[in-house]
Amino acid sequence: MLIILDRDGVINEYDGNYICSADDWHPIPGSIDAVARLCHAGHRIAIATNQSGIARGFYDVDELDAMHDKLEQLVEAAGGCIDLIAYCPHHPDDHCRCRKPLTGLLGQIQSHYHLDSLAGAIMVGDSRKDLEAAFAADCQPVLVRTGNGTDTERHLDARPIPGAEVAIYDNLSTFTDALLSAEGW
């Protein structure tokens, strides 16, 4: 199964401020192991992340690459693999097609895997943008309570996404536990 992860607030710690360097990028406890366990179970892992800090001049593509290299090295050291990291470098005012909640990043992932659709894929995020993008691309949306997730959950109660059933977990590790348990791993 294809599992698409948001980055900030799902894999790494995020408090609402921009993460501008690899030194400032810190994984949420258990998240790297969760990615590795998903890989061990045969799942393919892709990341879809908005990174407007590039357009805002807070960091450049080289620094983003350094953050992603750190992420990939940690996952590989745990025995896992991230197949693809798709990111949107644009400012929200640019009105690009790749910035979540639009589905351009998910389209890149779909093309990478040569899939007719993303039906059956799961997308894990911590924001409404992630959930809306997942639903629009026919993925199963999953919310984690890390990062912005607790606030997102509170707002979902007041304003649900029409037609979307959103599964909610405390973090990426508890999502992984539930998925692998349901699959009999």
Protein backbone atom coordinates (compact mmCIF):
# COMPACT_ATOMS: atom_id res chain seq x y z
CA MET A 1 0.00 0.00 0.00
CA LEU A 2 1.14 3.55 -0.68
CA ILE A 3 1.31 5.74 2.40
CA ILE A 4 1.79 9.47 1.87
CA LEU A 5 3.03 11.48 4.81
CA ASP A 6 3.07 15.18 5.46
CA ARG A 7 6.44 16.15 6.94
CA ASP A 8 6.19 18.97 9.50
CA GLY A 9 4.12 17.94 12.50
CA VAL A 10 3.84 14.32 11.34
CA ILE A 11 7.45 13.14 11.08
CA ASN A 12 9.28 16.04 12.69
CA GLU A 13 8.51 18.39 15.53
CA TYR A 14 6.62 21.51 14.47
CA ASP A 15 5.41 24.37 16.62
CA GLY A 16 4.14 26.66 13.86
CA ASN A 17 7.51 28.28 13.21
CA TYR A 18 9.54 27.62 10.08
CA ILE A 19 12.20 24.95 10.30
CA CYS A 20 15.05 26.59 8.47
CA SER A 21 17.99 24.22 8.80
CA ALA A 22 18.88 20.57 9.23
CA ASP A 23 20.10 21.44 12.75
CA ASP A 24 16.59 22.68 13.60
CA TRP A 25 14.92 19.58 12.12
CA HIS A 26 14.10 17.08 14.90
CA PRO A 27 11.99 13.94 14.47
CA ILE A 28 9.01 13.35 16.71
CA PRO A 29 9.90 10.48 19.06
CA GLY A 30 8.88 7.20 17.43
CA SER A 31 8.24 8.66 13.96
CA ILE A 32 11.41 7.37 12.28
CA ASP A 33 10.81 3.89 13.68
CA ALA A 34 7.18 4.08 12.50
CA VAL A 35 8.30 4.82 8.93
CA ALA A 36 10.78 1.93 9.07
CA ARG A 37 8.10 -0.44 10.40
CA LEU A 38 5.75 0.55 7.57
CA CYS A 39 8.53 -0.21 5.08
CA HIS A 40 9.29 -3.57 6.72
CA ALA A 41 5.60 -4.45 6.28
CA GLY A 42 5.90 -3.79 2.53
CA HIS A 43 4.36 -0.33 2.31
CA ARG A 44 5.74 2.32 -0.02
CA ILE A 45 6.40 5.71 1.59
CA ALA A 46 6.17 9.12 -0.07
CA ILE A 47 6.15 12.57 1.49
CA ALA A 48 4.08 15.57 0.34
CA THR A 49 5.07 18.80 2.06
CA ASN A 50 4.40 22.51 1.62
CA GLN A 51 7.66 24.43 2.01
CA SER A 52 6.81 28.09 1.44
CA GLY A 53 9.83 29.05 3.56
CA ILE A 54 11.79 28.83 0.30
CA ALA A 55 9.65 31.48 -1.42
CA ARG A 56 9.69 33.59 1.75
CA GLY A 57 13.52 33.54 1.75
CA PHE A 58 13.86 31.76 5.12
CA TYR A 59 15.96 28.95 3.61
CA ASP A 60 16.96 27.75 0.16
CA VAL A 61 16.63 24.48 -1.73
CA ASP A 62 20.09 23.37 -0.60
CA GLU A 63 19.06 23.69 3.04
CA LEU A 64 15.78 21.87 2.34
CA ASP A 65 17.80 19.11 0.69
CA ALA A 66 19.98 18.92 3.82
CA MET A 67 16.85 18.50 5.98
CA HIS A 68 15.57 15.77 3.68
CA ASP A 69 18.98 14.07 3.60
CA LYS A 70 18.92 13.98 7.41
CA LEU A 71 15.41 12.49 7.35
CA GLU A 72 16.32 9.86 4.76
CA GLN A 73 19.52 8.88 6.57
CA LEU A 74 17.64 8.42 9.86
CA VAL A 75 14.98 6.29 8.15
CA GLU A 76 17.60 4.21 6.33
CA ALA A 77 19.54 3.69 9.58
CA ALA A 78 16.30 2.31 11.07
CA GLY A 79 15.93 -0.05 8.10
CA GLY A 80 13.32 1.88 6.10
CA CYS A 81 13.18 3.79 2.85
CA ILE A 82 11.41 6.91 1.62
CA ASP A 83 10.72 6.52 -2.08
CA LEU A 84 9.90 10.14 -2.91
CA ILE A 85 9.74 13.55 -1.28
CA ALA A 86 7.51 15.94 -3.21
CA TYR A 87 7.49 19.54 -2.00
CA CYS A 88 5.88 22.83 -2.92
CA PRO A 89 8.38 25.71 -2.70
CA HIS A 90 5.81 28.39 -3.56
CA HIS A 91 4.31 31.22 -1.54
CA PRO A 92 0.56 30.85 -0.90
CA ASP A 93 -0.02 34.02 -2.97
CA ASP A 94 1.58 32.33 -6.01
CA HIS A 95 -1.62 30.30 -6.57
CA CYS A 96 0.32 27.26 -7.76
CA ARG A 97 -1.31 23.85 -8.26
CA CYS A 98 1.08 21.98 -6.00
CA ARG A 99 0.38 23.69 -2.67
CA LYS A 100 -1.89 21.63 -0.43
CA PRO A 101 -4.89 21.61 -0.15
CA LEU A 102 -4.61 21.41 -3.95
CA THR A 103 -3.50 18.06 -5.29
CA GLY A 104 -0.45 18.85 -7.41
CA LEU A 105 2.00 17.18 -5.01
CA LEU A 106 -0.21 14.12 -4.88
CA GLY A 107 -0.32 14.12 -8.67
CA GLN A 108 3.49 14.08 -8.70
CA ILE A 109 3.44 11.09 -6.38
CA GLN A 110 0.83 9.33 -8.51
CA SER A 111 2.98 9.91 -11.63
CA HIS A 112 6.12 8.70 -9.85
CA TYR A 113 4.45 5.37 -9.10
CA HIS A 114 2.73 5.18 -12.52
CA LEU A 115 -0.68 4.80 -10.86
CA ASP A 116 -4.02 5.35 -12.54
CA SER A 117 -5.32 6.86 -9.29
CA LEU A 118 -4.46 7.18 -5.63
CA ALA A 119 -7.53 5.21 -4.56
CA GLY A 120 -6.47 2.90 -1.76
CA ALA A 121 -3.56 5.11 -0.68
CA ILE A 122 -3.49 6.62 2.80
CA MET A 123 -2.39 10.18 3.50
CA VAL A 124 -1.34 11.11 7.03
CA GLY A 125 -1.29 14.77 8.00
CA ASP A 126 -1.69 17.19 10.87
CA SER A 127 -3.62 19.98 9.11
CA ARG A 128 -6.90 20.50 7.36
CA LYS A 129 -4.95 21.23 4.15
CA ASP A 130 -3.49 17.71 4.28
CA LEU A 131 -6.90 16.13 4.86
CA GLU A 132 -8.59 18.13 2.10
CA ALA A 133 -5.82 17.27 -0.37
CA ALA A 134 -6.08 13.59 0.57
CA PHE A 135 -9.84 13.54 0.12
CA ALA A 136 -9.67 15.44 -3.20
CA ALA A 137 -7.10 12.92 -4.51
CA ASP A 138 -9.17 9.91 -3.40
CA CYS A 139 -6.77 8.94 -0.59
CA GLN A 140 -7.93 7.88 2.85
CA PRO A 141 -7.26 10.92 5.09
CA VAL A 142 -5.66 10.25 8.47
CA LEU A 143 -5.09 12.93 11.09
CA VAL A 144 -2.40 12.75 13.77
CA ARG A 145 -2.60 14.91 16.89
CA THR A 146 1.06 15.97 16.72
CA GLY A 147 2.07 19.33 15.19
CA ASN A 148 -1.16 21.19 14.37
CA GLY A 149 -3.22 18.02 14.75
CA THR A 150 -4.95 18.80 18.05
CA ASP A 151 -6.16 22.17 16.74
CA THR A 152 -7.16 20.58 13.45
CA GLU A 153 -9.18 17.92 15.28
CA ARG A 154 -10.99 20.58 17.30
CA HIS A 155 -11.91 22.49 14.14
CA LEU A 156 -12.98 19.29 12.36
CA ASP A 157 -15.55 18.72 15.08
CA ALA A 158 -17.04 22.15 14.32
CA ARG A 159 -16.55 22.04 10.54
CA PRO A 160 -16.12 18.51 9.13
CA ILE A 161 -14.88 17.88 5.60
CA PRO A 162 -18.04 16.98 3.67
CA GLY A 163 -18.02 13.32 2.65
CA ALA A 164 -14.68 12.53 4.26
CA GLU A 165 -14.26 10.03 7.05
CA VAL A 166 -11.08 10.98 8.86
CA ALA A 167 -9.31 8.46 11.06
CA ILE A 168 -7.52 10.11 14.01
CA TYR A 169 -4.46 8.87 15.91
CA ASP A 170 -2.22 10.36 18.57
CA ASN A 171 0.88 10.23 16.36
CA LEU A 172 2.51 8.43 13.45
CA SER A 173 3.58 5.58 15.71
CA THR A 174 0.04 4.84 16.95
CA PHE A 175 -1.25 5.03 13.37
CA THR A 176 1.43 2.52 12.35
CA ASP A 177 0.54 0.24 15.26
CA ALA A 178 -3.13 0.26 14.24
CA LEU A 179 -2.46 -0.28 10.54
CA LEU A 180 -0.02 -3.12 11.07
CA SER A 181 -2.24 -4.73 13.69
CA ALA A 182 -5.22 -4.59 11.31
CA GLU A 183 -3.10 -6.24 8.62
CA GLY A 184 -2.02 -9.02 10.96
CA TRP A 185 1.67 -8.05 10.97
